Amino acid sequence: MIADDDVFTDLRPLLFTVAYDLLGSAVDADDILQDCYLRWRHRPDGDVDDPRAYLVTTVSRACLNHLRTVRRRRETYVGNWLPEPIRTTEDASRDAVLADSVSIAMLLVLETLSPVERAVFVLHDVFGYPHAEIAAMIRRSEPAVRQIAHRARQHVQARRPATDDERPRREPAGAELVAEFLHAAHTGDVDALLRLLAPDVVQISDGGGRVHAARHPITGAHKVATFAMGLARSAMSGARVELCTVNGASAAIFTLHGSLDSVAVFEAEHGRISRFYAIRNPDKLTAVDKPRRLDRGRNE
C-alpha cells in the first residue's frame, strides 16, 4: 500500500487540477480526491496497467456525477456566484493554458456549460486527452464526444470576454497595478482610481447571502471607483492586506480581526483593471491559506 500512496501523491496535483477545473470548488475537489484515494486503496486485487489513466478517469466520473447534483443548488445561489479562489504558485502562471483554465473568467464561462460539455471541454482542450480516451472516461461514443467537444468549444469562444481582434484578451493584472489600485481606494483618490480602471470595468462580488456584498455586477469606472472606496472603508479599514497570486492572477487577501474577510482578484486590459472580483462568502475562503501546486500533465 505504500507504493499505492506514492503513486497517488505523485499524481495528486494533476488530479486536483482536473477536479478543480471541473467543479470550480477546492473544497469539493478535495472531497472528490479523498473518496477516489479510498477507492484506489481498496480497489479489487490486480494491477492497474496505467494508474494515471485509471485515477483521472475515476476523478472525472466522480466530478461529473457531483456536477449534476450541485447544478440546481448553484442556480438558486444568493447573489453572484463566483468560483472558490485558490492560491496558486508561479508554475501555474508560466503555463498559459493552465493559467487560463483556472482563471476566474474562464471558470465563470465553464459554469454555463452542461456537466458533460464541461467535462469534455476540460479534458480535451485543457488536458489534451484525445476524444477516444474521453469517450471511455465518460461512457459515451467517440462520435458523440466529438460533437460535444465542438459544441462546448463554440459555446466557450462565444462567451469568453474580449476575444475579437480589436480588443486583446484580458490578462492578469500586475502586482504593481493592484497595489496602486488598493492605495488609491484606501486614500479615496478618485482621479487615480479612474486612471487605473478601464472605462467599461466590471466588478462582481460574491457574499453567498452570508455576508454583505453587491448582488449584481457593477459596471463602469465611476461606479466601480465608488464601490472600491466604500469597500476600502469597510473591509480594508484596520485589515491586514496581503498581495499574492490567486487563480493565476494578481490578488489581495484581506484579513480582519484575525479572520479572512475577502479575496479580491484582478484582470487587466491595456494596463488598466478591467475585471475586479471580490469573494466574501466565508465558505469559499478556505483554500487561500497556502499555494496549491497545479499540474496539467502535458498530454497535448
C-alpha atoms as a PDB file:
ATOM      1  CA  MET A   1       0.000   0.000   0.000  1.00  0.00           C
ATOM      2  CA  ILE A   2       2.985   2.310   0.454  1.00  0.00           C
ATOM      3  CA  ALA A   3       3.619   2.158  -3.283  1.00  0.00           C
ATOM      4  CA  ASP A   4      -0.054   2.990  -3.872  1.00  0.00           C
ATOM      5  CA  ASP A   5       0.282   6.028  -1.620  1.00  0.00           C
ATOM      6  CA  ASP A   6       3.352   7.175  -3.533  1.00  0.00           C
ATOM      7  CA  VAL A   7       1.543   6.869  -6.866  1.00  0.00           C
ATOM      8  CA  PHE A   8      -1.436   8.853  -5.607  1.00  0.00           C
ATOM      9  CA  THR A   9       0.778  11.516  -4.019  1.00  0.00           C
ATOM     10  CA  ASP A  10       2.730  11.972  -7.250  1.00  0.00           C
ATOM     11  CA  LEU A  11      -0.470  12.335  -9.264  1.00  0.00           C
ATOM     12  CA  ARG A  12      -2.348  14.460  -6.723  1.00  0.00           C
ATOM     13  CA  PRO A  13      -1.507  17.876  -8.327  1.00  0.00           C
ATOM     14  CA  LEU A  14      -2.839  16.636 -11.677  1.00  0.00           C
ATOM     15  CA  LEU A  15      -5.926  15.057 -10.105  1.00  0.00           C
ATOM     16  CA  PHE A  16      -6.693  18.179  -8.077  1.00  0.00           C
ATOM     17  CA  THR A  17      -6.318  20.373 -11.163  1.00  0.00           C
ATOM     18  CA  VAL A  18      -8.729  18.168 -13.127  1.00  0.00           C
ATOM     19  CA  ALA A  19     -11.250  18.206 -10.272  1.00  0.00           C
ATOM     20  CA  TYR A  20     -10.960  21.951  -9.654  1.00  0.00           C
ATOM     21  CA  ASP A  21     -11.360  22.802 -13.352  1.00  0.00           C
ATOM     22  CA  LEU A  22     -14.445  20.596 -13.466  1.00  0.00           C
ATOM     23  CA  LEU A  23     -16.022  21.861 -10.236  1.00  0.00           C
ATOM     24  CA  GLY A  24     -14.748  25.392  -9.547  1.00  0.00           C
ATOM     25  CA  SER A  25     -14.532  24.465  -5.869  1.00  0.00           C
ATOM     26  CA  ALA A  26     -11.403  23.455  -3.973  1.00  0.00           C
ATOM     27  CA  VAL A  27     -13.422  22.023  -1.087  1.00  0.00           C
ATOM     28  CA  ASP A  28     -15.426  19.788  -3.423  1.00  0.00           C
ATOM     29  CA  ALA A  29     -12.263  18.860  -5.350  1.00  0.00           C
ATOM     30  CA  ASP A  30     -10.523  17.803  -2.131  1.00  0.00           C
ATOM     31  CA  ASP A  31     -13.565  15.735  -1.124  1.00  0.00           C
ATOM     32  CA  ILE A  32     -13.589  14.017  -4.527  1.00  0.00           C
ATOM     33  CA  LEU A  33      -9.866  13.253  -4.245  1.00  0.00           C
ATOM     34  CA  GLN A  34     -10.314  11.800  -0.773  1.00  0.00           C
ATOM     35  CA  ASP A  35     -13.077   9.485  -1.999  1.00  0.00           C
ATOM     36  CA  CYS A  36     -11.019   8.469  -5.030  1.00  0.00           C
ATOM     37  CA  TYR A  37      -7.992   7.807  -2.856  1.00  0.00           C
ATOM     38  CA  LEU A  38     -10.043   5.388  -0.755  1.00  0.00           C
ATOM     39  CA  ARG A  39     -11.283   3.678  -3.914  1.00  0.00           C
ATOM     40  CA  TRP A  40      -7.686   3.467  -5.134  1.00  0.00           C
ATOM     41  CA  ARG A  41      -6.535   1.904  -1.864  1.00  0.00           C
ATOM     42  CA  HIS A  42      -9.406  -0.591  -1.758  1.00  0.00           C
ATOM     43  CA  ARG A  43      -9.728  -1.455  -5.433  1.00  0.00           C
ATOM     44  CA  PRO A  44     -10.079  -5.150  -6.323  1.00  0.00           C
ATOM     45  CA  ASP A  45      -6.914  -7.206  -6.438  1.00  0.00           C
ATOM     46  CA  GLY A  46      -4.953  -6.964  -9.652  1.00  0.00           C
ATOM     47  CA  ASP A  47      -2.529  -4.457 -11.044  1.00  0.00           C
ATOM     48  CA  VAL A  48      -3.694  -1.369 -12.875  1.00  0.00           C
ATOM     49  CA  ASP A  49      -1.743  -1.054 -16.111  1.00  0.00           C
ATOM     50  CA  ASP A  50      -1.950   2.753 -16.200  1.00  0.00           C
ATOM     51  CA  PRO A  51      -2.518   4.295 -12.732  1.00  0.00           C
ATOM     52  CA  ARG A  52      -2.699   7.807 -14.150  1.00  0.00           C
ATOM     53  CA  ALA A  53      -5.418   6.934 -16.667  1.00  0.00           C
ATOM     54  CA  TYR A  54      -7.280   4.939 -14.009  1.00  0.00           C
ATOM     55  CA  LEU A  55      -7.209   7.787 -11.467  1.00  0.00           C
ATOM     56  CA  VAL A  56      -8.021  10.579 -13.930  1.00  0.00           C
ATOM     57  CA  THR A  57     -10.991   8.518 -15.133  1.00  0.00           C
ATOM     58  CA  THR A  58     -12.134   7.879 -11.548  1.00  0.00           C
ATOM     59  CA  VAL A  59     -11.855  11.559 -10.625  1.00  0.00           C
ATOM     60  CA  SER A  60     -13.550  12.732 -13.833  1.00  0.00           C
ATOM     61  CA  ARG A  61     -16.523  10.410 -13.393  1.00  0.00           C
ATOM     62  CA  ALA A  62     -16.919  11.419  -9.755  1.00  0.00           C
ATOM     63  CA  CYS A  63     -16.791  15.110 -10.696  1.00  0.00           C
ATOM     64  CA  LEU A  64     -19.328  14.636 -13.474  1.00  0.00           C
ATOM     65  CA  ASN A  65     -21.743  12.989 -11.036  1.00  0.00           C
ATOM     66  CA  HIS A  66     -21.148  15.742  -8.491  1.00  0.00           C
ATOM     67  CA  LEU A  67     -21.749  18.497 -11.047  1.00  0.00           C
ATOM     68  CA  ARG A  68     -25.151  17.054 -11.799  1.00  0.00           C
ATOM     69  CA  THR A  69     -26.125  17.187  -8.120  1.00  0.00           C
ATOM     70  CA  VAL A  70     -24.898  20.741  -7.406  1.00  0.00           C
ATOM     71  CA  ARG A  71     -26.211  22.376 -10.578  1.00  0.00           C
ATOM     72  CA  ARG A  72     -29.639  23.140  -9.112  1.00  0.00           C
ATOM     73  CA  ARG A  73     -28.053  24.417  -5.871  1.00  0.00           C
ATOM     74  CA  ARG A  74     -25.962  26.924  -7.822  1.00  0.00           C
ATOM     75  CA  GLU A  75     -28.978  28.069  -9.811  1.00  0.00           C
ATOM     76  CA  THR A  76     -30.632  29.188  -6.537  1.00  0.00           C
ATOM     77  CA  TYR A  77     -27.449  30.771  -5.148  1.00  0.00           C
ATOM     78  CA  VAL A  78     -27.994  34.143  -3.446  1.00  0.00           C
ATOM     79  CA  GLY A  79     -26.375  36.937  -5.461  1.00  0.00           C
ATOM     80  CA  ASN A  80     -23.482  36.421  -7.872  1.00  0.00           C
ATOM     81  CA  TRP A  81     -21.807  33.015  -7.922  1.00  0.00           C
ATOM     82  CA  LEU A  82     -18.019  33.072  -8.214  1.00  0.00           C
ATOM     83  CA  PRO A  83     -15.703  30.057  -8.119  1.00  0.00           C
ATOM     84  CA  GLU A  84     -13.882  29.274  -4.913  1.00  0.00           C
ATOM     85  CA  PRO A  85     -10.493  31.029  -5.131  1.00  0.00           C
ATOM     86  CA  ILE A  86      -7.259  29.098  -4.738  1.00  0.00           C
ATOM     87  CA  ARG A  87      -3.805  30.484  -4.090  1.00  0.00           C
ATOM     88  CA  THR A  88      -1.526  29.347  -6.900  1.00  0.00           C
ATOM     89  CA  THR A  89       2.216  29.098  -7.431  1.00  0.00           C
ATOM     90  CA  GLU A  90       4.243  30.773 -10.162  1.00  0.00           C
ATOM     91  CA  ASP A  91       4.244  27.472 -12.078  1.00  0.00           C
ATOM     92  CA  ALA A  92       0.584  27.998 -12.934  1.00  0.00           C
ATOM     93  CA  SER A  93       1.272  31.433 -14.406  1.00  0.00           C
ATOM     94  CA  ARG A  94       4.054  30.112 -16.650  1.00  0.00           C
ATOM     95  CA  ASP A  95       1.719  27.614 -18.356  1.00  0.00           C
ATOM     96  CA  ALA A  96      -0.613  29.836 -20.386  1.00  0.00           C
ATOM     97  CA  VAL A  97      -3.231  27.123 -20.955  1.00  0.00           C
ATOM     98  CA  LEU A  98      -3.242  26.135 -17.287  1.00  0.00           C
ATOM     99  CA  ALA A  99      -3.407  29.746 -16.067  1.00  0.00           C
ATOM    100  CA  ASP A 100      -6.311  30.460 -18.416  1.00  0.00           C
ATOM    101  CA  SER A 101      -8.172  27.316 -17.366  1.00  0.00           C
ATOM    102  CA  VAL A 102      -8.179  28.259 -13.659  1.00  0.00           C
ATOM    103  CA  SER A 103      -8.801  31.969 -14.183  1.00  0.00           C
ATOM    104  CA  ILE A 104     -11.971  33.349 -12.640  1.00  0.00           C
ATOM    105  CA  ALA A 105     -13.155  34.474 -16.086  1.00  0.00           C
ATOM    106  CA  MET A 106     -12.790  31.008 -17.611  1.00  0.00           C
ATOM    107  CA  LEU A 107     -14.351  29.230 -14.644  1.00  0.00           C
ATOM    108  CA  LEU A 108     -17.369  31.516 -14.977  1.00  0.00           C
ATOM    109  CA  VAL A 109     -17.666  30.576 -18.644  1.00  0.00           C
ATOM    110  CA  LEU A 110     -17.314  26.874 -17.825  1.00  0.00           C
ATOM    111  CA  GLU A 111     -20.149  27.260 -15.325  1.00  0.00           C
ATOM    112  CA  THR A 112     -22.502  27.971 -18.242  1.00  0.00           C
ATOM    113  CA  LEU A 113     -21.780  24.595 -19.868  1.00  0.00           C
ATOM    114  CA  SER A 114     -23.719  21.443 -19.143  1.00  0.00           C
ATOM    115  CA  PRO A 115     -21.820  18.964 -16.908  1.00  0.00           C
ATOM    116  CA  VAL A 116     -20.890  16.678 -19.808  1.00  0.00           C
ATOM    117  CA  GLU A 117     -19.883  19.618 -22.031  1.00  0.00           C
ATOM    118  CA  ARG A 118     -17.669  20.941 -19.265  1.00  0.00           C
ATOM    119  CA  ALA A 119     -16.037  17.556 -18.719  1.00  0.00           C
ATOM    120  CA  VAL A 120     -15.315  17.050 -22.433  1.00  0.00           C
ATOM    121  CA  PHE A 121     -14.005  20.588 -22.924  1.00  0.00           C
ATOM    122  CA  VAL A 122     -11.721  20.485 -19.889  1.00  0.00           C
ATOM    123  CA  LEU A 123     -10.344  17.019 -20.577  1.00  0.00           C
ATOM    124  CA  HIS A 124      -9.687  17.739 -24.263  1.00  0.00           C
ATOM    125  CA  ASP A 125      -8.844  21.435 -24.551  1.00  0.00           C
ATOM    126  CA  VAL A 126      -7.038  21.838 -21.220  1.00  0.00           C
ATOM    127  CA  PHE A 127      -5.514  18.427 -20.516  1.00  0.00           C
ATOM    128  CA  GLY A 128      -5.111  17.238 -24.066  1.00  0.00           C
ATOM    129  CA  TYR A 129      -6.873  13.884 -23.844  1.00  0.00           C
ATOM    130  CA  PRO A 130      -7.968  12.532 -27.250  1.00  0.00           C
ATOM    131  CA  HIS A 131     -11.661  12.083 -27.952  1.00  0.00           C
ATOM    132  CA  ALA A 132     -11.394   8.301 -27.841  1.00  0.00           C
ATOM    133  CA  GLU A 133      -9.998   8.300 -24.296  1.00  0.00           C
ATOM    134  CA  ILE A 134     -12.583  10.808 -23.126  1.00  0.00           C
ATOM    135  CA  ALA A 135     -15.322   8.627 -24.602  1.00  0.00           C
ATOM    136  CA  ALA A 136     -14.147   5.744 -22.421  1.00  0.00           C
ATOM    137  CA  MET A 137     -13.883   8.011 -19.373  1.00  0.00           C
ATOM    138  CA  ILE A 138     -17.439   9.351 -19.562  1.00  0.00           C
ATOM    139  CA  ARG A 139     -19.022   6.307 -21.185  1.00  0.00           C
ATOM    140  CA  ARG A 140     -20.052   7.977 -24.441  1.00  0.00           C
ATOM    141  CA  SER A 141     -19.295   7.058 -28.044  1.00  0.00           C
ATOM    142  CA  GLU A 142     -16.361   8.770 -29.725  1.00  0.00           C
ATOM    143  CA  PRO A 143     -18.563  10.484 -32.367  1.00  0.00           C
ATOM    144  CA  ALA A 144     -20.786  11.811 -29.569  1.00  0.00           C
ATOM    145  CA  VAL A 145     -17.753  13.151 -27.717  1.00  0.00           C
ATOM    146  CA  ARG A 146     -16.523  14.896 -30.856  1.00  0.00           C
ATOM    147  CA  GLN A 147     -19.896  16.607 -31.271  1.00  0.00           C
ATOM    148  CA  ILE A 148     -19.968  17.609 -27.599  1.00  0.00           C
ATOM    149  CA  ALA A 149     -16.414  18.978 -27.831  1.00  0.00           C
ATOM    150  CA  HIS A 150     -17.298  21.061 -30.887  1.00  0.00           C
ATOM    151  CA  ARG A 151     -20.450  22.427 -29.248  1.00  0.00           C
ATOM    152  CA  ALA A 152     -18.656  23.214 -25.994  1.00  0.00           C
ATOM    153  CA  ARG A 153     -15.775  24.960 -27.764  1.00  0.00           C
ATOM    154  CA  GLN A 154     -18.179  27.162 -29.735  1.00  0.00           C
ATOM    155  CA  HIS A 155     -20.001  28.000 -26.506  1.00  0.00           C
ATOM    156  CA  VAL A 156     -16.781  28.957 -24.714  1.00  0.00           C
ATOM    157  CA  GLN A 157     -15.486  31.054 -27.597  1.00  0.00           C
ATOM    158  CA  ALA A 158     -18.785  32.930 -27.796  1.00  0.00           C
ATOM    159  CA  ARG A 159     -18.889  33.752 -24.093  1.00  0.00           C
ATOM    160  CA  ARG A 160     -15.328  34.403 -23.022  1.00  0.00           C
ATOM    161  CA  PRO A 161     -14.568  38.141 -22.791  1.00  0.00           C
ATOM    162  CA  ALA A 162     -12.598  40.168 -25.326  1.00  0.00           C
ATOM    163  CA  THR A 163     -11.937  37.567 -27.985  1.00  0.00           C
ATOM    164  CA  ASP A 164     -12.335  39.787 -31.028  1.00  0.00           C
ATOM    165  CA  ASP A 165      -9.337  41.104 -32.963  1.00  0.00           C
ATOM    166  CA  GLU A 166      -9.793  44.722 -31.910  1.00  0.00           C
ATOM    167  CA  ARG A 167      -9.623  44.069 -28.171  1.00  0.00           C
ATOM    168  CA  PRO A 168      -6.888  41.937 -26.574  1.00  0.00           C
ATOM    169  CA  ARG A 169      -7.838  39.049 -24.341  1.00  0.00           C
ATOM    170  CA  ARG A 170      -7.934  40.115 -20.730  1.00  0.00           C
ATOM    171  CA  GLU A 171      -4.873  39.155 -18.733  1.00  0.00           C
ATOM    172  CA  PRO A 172      -3.927  39.048 -15.050  1.00  0.00           C
ATOM    173  CA  ALA A 173      -3.261  42.482 -13.617  1.00  0.00           C
ATOM    174  CA  GLY A 174       0.305  43.105 -12.472  1.00  0.00           C
ATOM    175  CA  ALA A 175       1.069  43.282  -8.756  1.00  0.00           C
ATOM    176  CA  GLU A 176       2.145  46.932  -9.097  1.00  0.00           C
ATOM    177  CA  LEU A 177      -1.169  47.871 -10.727  1.00  0.00           C
ATOM    178  CA  VAL A 178      -3.083  46.116  -7.959  1.00  0.00           C
ATOM    179  CA  ALA A 179      -1.020  47.860  -5.264  1.00  0.00           C
ATOM    180  CA  GLU A 180      -1.693  51.258  -6.858  1.00  0.00           C
ATOM    181  CA  PHE A 181      -5.406  50.477  -7.048  1.00  0.00           C
ATOM    182  CA  LEU A 182      -5.588  49.446  -3.391  1.00  0.00           C
ATOM    183  CA  HIS A 183      -3.688  52.550  -2.282  1.00  0.00           C
ATOM    184  CA  ALA A 184      -5.962  54.839  -4.312  1.00  0.00           C
ATOM    185  CA  ALA A 185      -9.071  53.148  -2.897  1.00  0.00           C
ATOM    186  CA  HIS A 186      -7.748  53.385   0.653  1.00  0.00           C
ATOM    187  CA  THR A 187      -6.852  57.079   0.328  1.00  0.00           C
ATOM    188  CA  GLY A 188     -10.023  57.948  -1.569  1.00  0.00           C
ATOM    189  CA  ASP A 189      -8.125  59.226  -4.610  1.00  0.00           C
ATOM    190  CA  VAL A 190     -10.901  59.187  -7.200  1.00  0.00           C
ATOM    191  CA  ASP A 191      -8.765  60.606 -10.014  1.00  0.00           C
ATOM    192  CA  ALA A 192      -6.133  57.898  -9.502  1.00  0.00           C
ATOM    193  CA  LEU A 193      -8.806  55.193  -9.461  1.00  0.00           C
ATOM    194  CA  LEU A 194     -10.268  56.427 -12.728  1.00  0.00           C
ATOM    195  CA  ARG A 195      -6.812  56.333 -14.313  1.00  0.00           C
ATOM    196  CA  LEU A 196      -6.336  52.747 -13.141  1.00  0.00           C
ATOM    197  CA  LEU A 197      -9.761  51.435 -14.197  1.00  0.00           C
ATOM    198  CA  ALA A 198     -10.856  50.630 -17.745  1.00  0.00           C
ATOM    199  CA  PRO A 199     -13.939  52.677 -18.773  1.00  0.00           C
ATOM    200  CA  ASP A 200     -16.067  49.509 -19.010  1.00  0.00           C
ATOM    201  CA  VAL A 201     -14.599  47.797 -15.934  1.00  0.00           C
ATOM    202  CA  VAL A 202     -16.874  45.268 -14.234  1.00  0.00           C
ATOM    203  CA  GLN A 203     -16.883  44.423 -10.545  1.00  0.00           C
ATOM    204  CA  ILE A 204     -18.504  41.208  -9.295  1.00  0.00           C
ATOM    205  CA  SER A 205     -18.952  40.342  -5.629  1.00  0.00           C
ATOM    206  CA  ASP A 206     -19.887  37.013  -4.045  1.00  0.00           C
ATOM    207  CA  GLY A 207     -21.236  37.002  -0.499  1.00  0.00           C
ATOM    208  CA  GLY A 208     -23.450  33.970  -0.940  1.00  0.00           C
ATOM    209  CA  GLY A 209     -26.084  35.558   1.275  1.00  0.00           C
ATOM    210  CA  ARG A 210     -23.722  35.023   4.210  1.00  0.00           C
ATOM    211  CA  VAL A 211     -22.125  38.484   4.332  1.00  0.00           C
ATOM    212  CA  HIS A 212     -22.829  41.881   2.788  1.00  0.00           C
ATOM    213  CA  ALA A 213     -21.927  42.030  -0.910  1.00  0.00           C
ATOM    214  CA  ALA A 214     -23.306  43.636  -4.056  1.00  0.00           C
ATOM    215  CA  ARG A 215     -25.809  41.185  -5.532  1.00  0.00           C
ATOM    216  CA  HIS A 216     -25.433  42.411  -9.101  1.00  0.00           C
ATOM    217  CA  PRO A 217     -22.364  43.251 -11.195  1.00  0.00           C
ATOM    218  CA  ILE A 218     -21.227  46.882 -11.067  1.00  0.00           C
ATOM    219  CA  THR A 219     -20.200  48.332 -14.434  1.00  0.00           C
ATOM    220  CA  GLY A 220     -18.292  51.483 -15.341  1.00  0.00           C
ATOM    221  CA  ALA A 221     -15.226  53.194 -13.925  1.00  0.00           C
ATOM    222  CA  HIS A 222     -17.069  55.789 -11.817  1.00  0.00           C
ATOM    223  CA  LYS A 223     -19.397  53.257 -10.199  1.00  0.00           C
ATOM    224  CA  VAL A 224     -16.589  50.773  -9.546  1.00  0.00           C
ATOM    225  CA  ALA A 225     -14.385  53.534  -8.107  1.00  0.00           C
ATOM    226  CA  THR A 226     -17.161  54.497  -5.696  1.00  0.00           C
ATOM    227  CA  PHE A 227     -17.644  50.848  -4.749  1.00  0.00           C
ATOM    228  CA  ALA A 228     -13.896  50.344  -4.216  1.00  0.00           C
ATOM    229  CA  MET A 229     -13.667  53.321  -1.872  1.00  0.00           C
ATOM    230  CA  GLY A 230     -16.637  52.032   0.096  1.00  0.00           C
ATOM    231  CA  LEU A 231     -15.052  48.609   0.305  1.00  0.00           C
ATOM    232  CA  ALA A 232     -11.818  50.214   1.482  1.00  0.00           C
ATOM    233  CA  ARG A 233     -13.639  51.979   4.299  1.00  0.00           C
ATOM    234  CA  SER A 234     -15.163  48.713   5.482  1.00  0.00           C
ATOM    235  CA  ALA A 235     -13.081  45.665   4.561  1.00  0.00           C
ATOM    236  CA  MET A 236      -9.722  47.435   4.305  1.00  0.00           C
ATOM    237  CA  SER A 237     -10.001  49.677   7.361  1.00  0.00           C
ATOM    238  CA  GLY A 238      -7.846  48.033  10.020  1.00  0.00           C
ATOM    239  CA  ALA A 239      -7.359  44.948   7.833  1.00  0.00           C
ATOM    240  CA  ARG A 240      -4.120  43.231   7.003  1.00  0.00           C
ATOM    241  CA  VAL A 241      -3.685  43.140   3.230  1.00  0.00           C
ATOM    242  CA  GLU A 242      -1.518  40.514   1.547  1.00  0.00           C
ATOM    243  CA  LEU A 243      -0.702  40.672  -2.153  1.00  0.00           C
ATOM    244  CA  CYS A 244      -0.405  37.227  -3.709  1.00  0.00           C
ATOM    245  CA  THR A 245      -1.361  35.128  -6.733  1.00  0.00           C
ATOM    246  CA  VAL A 246      -4.851  33.623  -6.805  1.00  0.00           C
ATOM    247  CA  ASN A 247      -6.129  31.544  -9.725  1.00  0.00           C
ATOM    248  CA  GLY A 248      -3.039  32.560 -11.663  1.00  0.00           C
ATOM    249  CA  ALA A 249      -3.781  36.289 -11.283  1.00  0.00           C
ATOM    250  CA  SER A 250      -2.620  39.107  -9.011  1.00  0.00           C
ATOM    251  CA  ALA A 251      -4.850  39.296  -5.967  1.00  0.00           C
ATOM    252  CA  ALA A 252      -5.218  40.687  -2.477  1.00  0.00           C
ATOM    253  CA  ILE A 253      -6.275  38.797   0.630  1.00  0.00           C
ATOM    254  CA  PHE A 254      -7.886  40.839   3.422  1.00  0.00           C
ATOM    255  CA  THR A 255      -7.677  39.595   6.999  1.00  0.00           C
ATOM    256  CA  LEU A 256      -9.755  41.435   9.578  1.00  0.00           C
ATOM    257  CA  HIS A 257      -9.501  40.769  13.319  1.00  0.00           C
ATOM    258  CA  GLY A 258      -7.553  37.588  12.639  1.00  0.00           C
ATOM    259  CA  SER A 259     -10.118  36.111  10.233  1.00  0.00           C
ATOM    260  CA  LEU A 260     -10.180  36.059   6.446  1.00  0.00           C
ATOM    261  CA  ASP A 261     -12.603  38.725   5.261  1.00  0.00           C
ATOM    262  CA  SER A 262     -12.330  38.640   1.473  1.00  0.00           C
ATOM    263  CA  VAL A 263     -10.225  37.851  -1.575  1.00  0.00           C
ATOM    264  CA  ALA A 264     -10.011  40.265  -4.494  1.00  0.00           C
ATOM    265  CA  VAL A 265      -8.776  39.033  -7.883  1.00  0.00           C
ATOM    266  CA  PHE A 266      -7.958  41.380 -10.756  1.00  0.00           C
ATOM    267  CA  GLU A 267      -7.732  41.189 -14.546  1.00  0.00           C
ATOM    268  CA  ALA A 268      -6.337  43.898 -16.818  1.00  0.00           C
ATOM    269  CA  GLU A 269      -6.626  45.194 -20.359  1.00  0.00           C
ATOM    270  CA  HIS A 270      -4.320  47.824 -21.881  1.00  0.00           C
ATOM    271  CA  GLY A 271      -2.643  48.231 -18.491  1.00  0.00           C
ATOM    272  CA  ARG A 272      -5.900  49.095 -16.702  1.00  0.00           C
ATOM    273  CA  ILE A 273      -8.083  46.970 -14.442  1.00  0.00           C
ATOM    274  CA  SER A 274     -10.952  45.534 -16.482  1.00  0.00           C
ATOM    275  CA  ARG A 275     -12.360  42.950 -14.065  1.00  0.00           C
ATOM    276  CA  PHE A 276     -12.397  43.051 -10.269  1.00  0.00           C
ATOM    277  CA  TYR A 277     -13.784  40.026  -8.427  1.00  0.00           C
ATOM    278  CA  ALA A 278     -14.425  40.120  -4.669  1.00  0.00           C
ATOM    279  CA  ILE A 279     -15.140  36.796  -2.950  1.00  0.00           C
ATOM    280  CA  ARG A 280     -16.522  37.336   0.564  1.00  0.00           C
ATOM    281  CA  ASN A 281     -18.579  34.189   1.176  1.00  0.00           C
ATOM    282  CA  PRO A 282     -16.705  32.676   4.167  1.00  0.00           C
ATOM    283  CA  ASP A 283     -17.442  29.162   2.904  1.00  0.00           C
ATOM    284  CA  LYS A 284     -15.253  29.926  -0.122  1.00  0.00           C
ATOM    285  CA  LEU A 285     -12.221  31.311   1.711  1.00  0.00           C
ATOM    286  CA  THR A 286     -10.706  28.055   2.931  1.00  0.00           C
ATOM    287  CA  ALA A 287      -8.311  27.381   0.036  1.00  0.00           C
ATOM    288  CA  VAL A 288      -6.162  30.519   0.092  1.00  0.00           C
ATOM    289  CA  ASP A 289      -4.127  29.675   3.183  1.00  0.00           C
ATOM    290  CA  LYS A 290      -1.299  28.122   1.165  1.00  0.00           C
ATOM    291  CA  PRO A 291      -0.355  27.825  -2.522  1.00  0.00           C
ATOM    292  CA  ARG A 292      -1.705  24.886  -4.493  1.00  0.00           C
ATOM    293  CA  ARG A 293       0.597  23.173  -6.952  1.00  0.00           C
ATOM    294  CA  LEU A 294      -1.305  22.595 -10.180  1.00  0.00           C
ATOM    295  CA  ASP A 295      -0.364  20.254 -12.999  1.00  0.00           C
ATOM    296  CA  ARG A 296      -1.790  19.799 -16.478  1.00  0.00           C
ATOM    297  CA  GLY A 297       0.113  16.611 -17.222  1.00  0.00           C
ATOM    298  CA  ARG A 298       1.347  17.913 -20.600  1.00  0.00           C
ATOM    299  CA  ASN A 299      -0.780  15.462 -22.552  1.00  0.00           C
ATOM    300  CA  GLU A 300      -1.016  17.641 -25.665  1.00  0.00           C
END
